[in-house]
Amino acid sequence: VMVPLNYTEFIDDLTYLVKSGVIPMSRIDDAVRRILRVKFTMGLFENPFADYSLVNELGSQ
């Protein structure tokens, strides 16, 4: 699930869907587990800040 621009509405909708049993909590747990695994693998918790020295290269090619 991609989070829309209005993330508070997304959270409210997702909370409702979980509480009403449409989406099982186990599905949320699985998604979070996969996201965190990738972030740990990429080292995003050791160095969470972007390298702004490369900002001028973004979109340059």
PDB file of N, CA and C in Angstrom:
ATOM      1  N   VAL A   1       0.853  -1.178   0.000  1.00  0.00           N
ATOM      2  CA  VAL A   1       0.000   0.000   0.000  1.00  0.00           C
ATOM      3  C   VAL A   1       0.892   1.232   0.000  1.00  0.00           C
ATOM      4  N   MET A   2       0.647   2.098  -0.952  1.00  0.00           N
ATOM      5  CA  MET A   2       1.368   3.364  -0.993  1.00  0.00           C
ATOM      6  C   MET A   2       0.566   4.393  -0.198  1.00  0.00           C
ATOM      7  N   VAL A   3       1.239   5.123   0.645  1.00  0.00           N
ATOM      8  CA  VAL A   3       0.566   6.106   1.487  1.00  0.00           C
ATOM      9  C   VAL A   3       0.253   7.344   0.655  1.00  0.00           C
ATOM     10  N   PRO A   4      -1.001   7.786   0.658  1.00  0.00           N
ATOM     11  CA  PRO A   4      -1.371   8.979  -0.105  1.00  0.00           C
ATOM     12  C   PRO A   4      -0.855  10.253   0.548  1.00  0.00           C
ATOM     13  N   LEU A   5      -1.048  11.354  -0.136  1.00  0.00           N
ATOM     14  CA  LEU A   5      -0.606  12.650   0.365  1.00  0.00           C
ATOM     15  C   LEU A   5      -1.217  12.950   1.733  1.00  0.00           C
ATOM     16  N   ASN A   6      -2.490  12.619   1.896  1.00  0.00           N
ATOM     17  CA  ASN A   6      -3.170  12.852   3.170  1.00  0.00           C
ATOM     18  C   ASN A   6      -2.997  11.609   4.044  1.00  0.00           C
ATOM     19  N   TYR A   7      -1.858  11.520   4.722  1.00  0.00           N
ATOM     20  CA  TYR A   7      -1.549  10.309   5.478  1.00  0.00           C
ATOM     21  C   TYR A   7      -2.450  10.116   6.692  1.00  0.00           C
ATOM     22  N   THR A   8      -2.991  11.198   7.253  1.00  0.00           N
ATOM     23  CA  THR A   8      -3.871  11.031   8.418  1.00  0.00           C
ATOM     24  C   THR A   8      -5.167  10.327   8.017  1.00  0.00           C
ATOM     25  N   GLU A   9      -5.671  10.637   6.843  1.00  0.00           N
ATOM     26  CA  GLU A   9      -6.863   9.953   6.339  1.00  0.00           C
ATOM     27  C   GLU A   9      -6.548   8.482   6.081  1.00  0.00           C
ATOM     28  N   PHE A  10      -5.373   8.213   5.536  1.00  0.00           N
ATOM     29  CA  PHE A  10      -4.942   6.839   5.288  1.00  0.00           C
ATOM     30  C   PHE A  10      -4.891   6.054   6.599  1.00  0.00           C
ATOM     31  N   ILE A  11      -4.309   6.650   7.637  1.00  0.00           N
ATOM     32  CA  ILE A  11      -4.202   5.976   8.935  1.00  0.00           C
ATOM     33  C   ILE A  11      -5.594   5.695   9.498  1.00  0.00           C
ATOM     34  N   ASP A  12      -6.484   6.662   9.404  1.00  0.00           N
ATOM     35  CA  ASP A  12      -7.856   6.460   9.889  1.00  0.00           C
ATOM     36  C   ASP A  12      -8.546   5.329   9.130  1.00  0.00           C
ATOM     37  N   ASP A  13      -8.417   5.337   7.804  1.00  0.00           N
ATOM     38  CA  ASP A  13      -9.045   4.297   6.982  1.00  0.00           C
ATOM     39  C   ASP A  13      -8.459   2.923   7.282  1.00  0.00           C
ATOM     40  N   LEU A  14      -7.138   2.847   7.385  1.00  0.00           N
ATOM     41  CA  LEU A  14      -6.486   1.573   7.664  1.00  0.00           C
ATOM     42  C   LEU A  14      -6.866   1.056   9.050  1.00  0.00           C
ATOM     43  N   THR A  15      -6.917   1.948  10.023  1.00  0.00           N
ATOM     44  CA  THR A  15      -7.327   1.558  11.376  1.00  0.00           C
ATOM     45  C   THR A  15      -8.742   0.987  11.359  1.00  0.00           C
ATOM     46  N   TYR A  16      -9.630   1.641  10.639  1.00  0.00           N
ATOM     47  CA  TYR A  16     -11.008   1.153  10.528  1.00  0.00           C
ATOM     48  C   TYR A  16     -11.042  -0.232   9.887  1.00  0.00           C
ATOM     49  N   LEU A  17     -10.292  -0.412   8.805  1.00  0.00           N
ATOM     50  CA  LEU A  17     -10.290  -1.695   8.104  1.00  0.00           C
ATOM     51  C   LEU A  17      -9.736  -2.820   8.970  1.00  0.00           C
ATOM     52  N   VAL A  18      -8.736  -2.527   9.779  1.00  0.00           N
ATOM     53  CA  VAL A  18      -8.181  -3.542  10.683  1.00  0.00           C
ATOM     54  C   VAL A  18      -9.186  -3.856  11.788  1.00  0.00           C
ATOM     55  N   LYS A  19      -9.759  -2.828  12.401  1.00  0.00           N
ATOM     56  CA  LYS A  19     -10.715  -3.043  13.498  1.00  0.00           C
ATOM     57  C   LYS A  19     -11.971  -3.773  13.035  1.00  0.00           C
ATOM     58  N   SER A  20     -12.365  -3.547  11.783  1.00  0.00           N
ATOM     59  CA  SER A  20     -13.572  -4.204  11.267  1.00  0.00           C
ATOM     60  C   SER A  20     -13.282  -5.594  10.709  1.00  0.00           C
ATOM     61  N   GLY A  21     -12.010  -5.985  10.709  1.00  0.00           N
ATOM     62  CA  GLY A  21     -11.652  -7.333  10.273  1.00  0.00           C
ATOM     63  C   GLY A  21     -11.452  -7.497   8.779  1.00  0.00           C
ATOM     64  N   VAL A  22     -11.541  -6.410   8.022  1.00  0.00           N
ATOM     65  CA  VAL A  22     -11.331  -6.488   6.575  1.00  0.00           C
ATOM     66  C   VAL A  22      -9.868  -6.805   6.269  1.00  0.00           C
ATOM     67  N   ILE A  23      -8.967  -6.170   6.995  1.00  0.00           N
ATOM     68  CA  ILE A  23      -7.530  -6.429   6.864  1.00  0.00           C
ATOM     69  C   ILE A  23      -7.049  -7.012   8.189  1.00  0.00           C
ATOM     70  N   PRO A  24      -6.483  -8.226   8.163  1.00  0.00           N
ATOM     71  CA  PRO A  24      -6.001  -8.812   9.423  1.00  0.00           C
ATOM     72  C   PRO A  24      -4.743  -8.107   9.928  1.00  0.00           C
ATOM     73  N   MET A  25      -4.613  -8.007  11.232  1.00  0.00           N
ATOM     74  CA  MET A  25      -3.440  -7.379  11.840  1.00  0.00           C
ATOM     75  C   MET A  25      -2.174  -8.121  11.428  1.00  0.00           C
ATOM     76  N   SER A  26      -2.278  -9.400  11.169  1.00  0.00           N
ATOM     77  CA  SER A  26      -1.110 -10.171  10.731  1.00  0.00           C
ATOM     78  C   SER A  26      -0.575  -9.647   9.403  1.00  0.00           C
ATOM     79  N   ARG A  27      -1.453  -9.106   8.559  1.00  0.00           N
ATOM     80  CA  ARG A  27      -1.019  -8.523   7.277  1.00  0.00           C
ATOM     81  C   ARG A  27      -0.224  -7.248   7.523  1.00  0.00           C
ATOM     82  N   ILE A  28      -0.651  -6.440   8.484  1.00  0.00           N
ATOM     83  CA  ILE A  28       0.072  -5.217   8.842  1.00  0.00           C
ATOM     84  C   ILE A  28       1.433  -5.588   9.419  1.00  0.00           C
ATOM     85  N   ASP A  29       1.446  -6.577  10.322  1.00  0.00           N
ATOM     86  CA  ASP A  29       2.704  -7.030  10.925  1.00  0.00           C
ATOM     87  C   ASP A  29       3.685  -7.503   9.859  1.00  0.00           C
ATOM     88  N   ASP A  30       3.188  -8.250   8.875  1.00  0.00           N
ATOM     89  CA  ASP A  30       4.047  -8.750   7.802  1.00  0.00           C
ATOM     90  C   ASP A  30       4.636  -7.601   6.989  1.00  0.00           C
ATOM     91  N   ALA A  31       3.806  -6.620   6.652  1.00  0.00           N
ATOM     92  CA  ALA A  31       4.278  -5.475   5.861  1.00  0.00           C
ATOM     93  C   ALA A  31       5.338  -4.684   6.622  1.00  0.00           C
ATOM     94  N   VAL A  32       5.101  -4.445   7.904  1.00  0.00           N
ATOM     95  CA  VAL A  32       6.062  -3.696   8.721  1.00  0.00           C
ATOM     96  C   VAL A  32       7.368  -4.465   8.840  1.00  0.00           C
ATOM     97  N   ARG A  33       7.263  -5.775   9.036  1.00  0.00           N
ATOM     98  CA  ARG A  33       8.463  -6.617   9.148  1.00  0.00           C
ATOM     99  C   ARG A  33       9.315  -6.520   7.874  1.00  0.00           C
ATOM    100  N   ARG A  34       8.670  -6.582   6.707  1.00  0.00           N
ATOM    101  CA  ARG A  34       9.405  -6.501   5.439  1.00  0.00           C
ATOM    102  C   ARG A  34      10.037  -5.129   5.238  1.00  0.00           C
ATOM    103  N   ILE A  35       9.312  -4.072   5.572  1.00  0.00           N
ATOM    104  CA  ILE A  35       9.846  -2.712   5.434  1.00  0.00           C
ATOM    105  C   ILE A  35      11.051  -2.510   6.338  1.00  0.00           C
ATOM    106  N   LEU A  36      10.929  -2.927   7.599  1.00  0.00           N
ATOM    107  CA  LEU A  36      12.040  -2.756   8.540  1.00  0.00           C
ATOM    108  C   LEU A  36      13.251  -3.596   8.146  1.00  0.00           C
ATOM    109  N   ARG A  37      13.013  -4.797   7.617  1.00  0.00           N
ATOM    110  CA  ARG A  37      14.127  -5.646   7.180  1.00  0.00           C
ATOM    111  C   ARG A  37      14.939  -4.937   6.093  1.00  0.00           C
ATOM    112  N   VAL A  38      14.259  -4.340   5.132  1.00  0.00           N
ATOM    113  CA  VAL A  38      14.953  -3.628   4.055  1.00  0.00           C
ATOM    114  C   VAL A  38      15.708  -2.422   4.611  1.00  0.00           C
ATOM    115  N   LYS A  39      15.085  -1.677   5.506  1.00  0.00           N
ATOM    116  CA  LYS A  39      15.743  -0.499   6.076  1.00  0.00           C
ATOM    117  C   LYS A  39      16.985  -0.882   6.873  1.00  0.00           C
ATOM    118  N   PHE A  40      16.909  -1.979   7.647  1.00  0.00           N
ATOM    119  CA  PHE A  40      18.085  -2.440   8.387  1.00  0.00           C
ATOM    120  C   PHE A  40      19.168  -2.906   7.421  1.00  0.00           C
ATOM    121  N   THR A  41      18.774  -3.639   6.370  1.00  0.00           N
ATOM    122  CA  THR A  41      19.736  -4.125   5.378  1.00  0.00           C
ATOM    123  C   THR A  41      20.443  -2.971   4.678  1.00  0.00           C
ATOM    124  N   MET A  42      19.707  -1.902   4.407  1.00  0.00           N
ATOM    125  CA  MET A  42      20.268  -0.735   3.722  1.00  0.00           C
ATOM    126  C   MET A  42      21.050   0.178   4.670  1.00  0.00           C
ATOM    127  N   GLY A  43      21.034  -0.116   5.963  1.00  0.00           N
ATOM    128  CA  GLY A  43      21.770   0.692   6.927  1.00  0.00           C
ATOM    129  C   GLY A  43      21.117   2.017   7.259  1.00  0.00           C
ATOM    130  N   LEU A  44      19.824   2.120   7.037  1.00  0.00           N
ATOM    131  CA  LEU A  44      19.151   3.402   7.254  1.00  0.00           C
ATOM    132  C   LEU A  44      19.022   3.783   8.719  1.00  0.00           C
ATOM    133  N   PHE A  45      19.241   2.844   9.617  1.00  0.00           N
ATOM    134  CA  PHE A  45      19.171   3.177  11.035  1.00  0.00           C
ATOM    135  C   PHE A  45      20.538   3.574  11.577  1.00  0.00           C
ATOM    136  N   GLU A  46      21.604   3.193  10.880  1.00  0.00           N
ATOM    137  CA  GLU A  46      22.949   3.593  11.295  1.00  0.00           C
ATOM    138  C   GLU A  46      23.279   4.999  10.798  1.00  0.00           C
ATOM    139  N   ASN A  47      22.822   5.330   9.593  1.00  0.00           N
ATOM    140  CA  ASN A  47      23.091   6.641   9.000  1.00  0.00           C
ATOM    141  C   ASN A  47      21.804   7.129   8.329  1.00  0.00           C
ATOM    142  N   PRO A  48      20.851   7.632   9.113  1.00  0.00           N
ATOM    143  CA  PRO A  48      19.531   7.942   8.576  1.00  0.00           C
ATOM    144  C   PRO A  48      19.431   9.235   7.765  1.00  0.00           C
ATOM    145  N   PHE A  49      20.498  10.019   7.710  1.00  0.00           N
ATOM    146  CA  PHE A  49      20.416  11.310   7.038  1.00  0.00           C
ATOM    147  C   PHE A  49      20.950  11.234   5.612  1.00  0.00           C
ATOM    148  N   ALA A  50      20.340  11.993   4.738  1.00  0.00           N
ATOM    149  CA  ALA A  50      20.737  12.027   3.333  1.00  0.00           C
ATOM    150  C   ALA A  50      22.075  12.737   3.165  1.00  0.00           C
ATOM    151  N   ASP A  51      22.775  12.379   2.089  1.00  0.00           N
ATOM    152  CA  ASP A  51      24.037  13.030   1.739  1.00  0.00           C
ATOM    153  C   ASP A  51      23.709  14.208   0.826  1.00  0.00           C
ATOM    154  N   TYR A  52      23.585  15.390   1.408  1.00  0.00           N
ATOM    155  CA  TYR A  52      23.180  16.568   0.647  1.00  0.00           C
ATOM    156  C   TYR A  52      24.261  17.084  -0.296  1.00  0.00           C
ATOM    157  N   SER A  53      25.470  16.550  -0.213  1.00  0.00           N
ATOM    158  CA  SER A  53      26.521  16.980  -1.137  1.00  0.00           C
ATOM    159  C   SER A  53      26.214  16.526  -2.562  1.00  0.00           C
ATOM    160  N   LEU A  54      25.313  15.564  -2.716  1.00  0.00           N
ATOM    161  CA  LEU A  54      24.970  15.049  -4.045  1.00  0.00           C
ATOM    162  C   LEU A  54      23.674  15.648  -4.594  1.00  0.00           C
ATOM    163  N   VAL A  55      23.103  16.624  -3.909  1.00  0.00           N
ATOM    164  CA  VAL A  55      21.800  17.156  -4.290  1.00  0.00           C
ATOM    165  C   VAL A  55      21.789  17.741  -5.704  1.00  0.00           C
ATOM    166  N   ASN A  56      22.869  18.338  -6.157  1.00  0.00           N
ATOM    167  CA  ASN A  56      22.904  18.932  -7.496  1.00  0.00           C
ATOM    168  C   ASN A  56      22.974  17.888  -8.600  1.00  0.00           C
ATOM    169  N   GLU A  57      23.275  16.650  -8.246  1.00  0.00           N
ATOM    170  CA  GLU A  57      23.336  15.584  -9.241  1.00  0.00           C
ATOM    171  C   GLU A  57      21.978  14.926  -9.473  1.00  0.00           C
ATOM    172  N   LEU A  58      21.031  15.145  -8.579  1.00  0.00           N
ATOM    173  CA  LEU A  58      19.705  14.559  -8.736  1.00  0.00           C
ATOM    174  C   LEU A  58      19.036  15.097  -9.991  1.00  0.00           C
ATOM    175  N   GLY A  59      18.560  14.207 -10.821  1.00  0.00           N
ATOM    176  CA  GLY A  59      17.868  14.605 -12.031  1.00  0.00           C
ATOM    177  C   GLY A  59      18.754  15.236 -13.079  1.00  0.00           C
ATOM    178  N   SER A  60      20.064  15.079 -12.969  1.00  0.00           N
ATOM    179  CA  SER A  60      20.973  15.738 -13.908  1.00  0.00           C
ATOM    180  C   SER A  60      21.249  14.908 -15.154  1.00  0.00           C
ATOM    181  N   GLN A  61      20.795  13.671 -15.167  1.00  0.00           N
ATOM    182  CA  GLN A  61      21.067  12.821 -16.346  1.00  0.00           C
ATOM    183  C   GLN A  61      19.792  12.386 -17.013  1.00  0.00           C
TER     184      GLN A  61
END
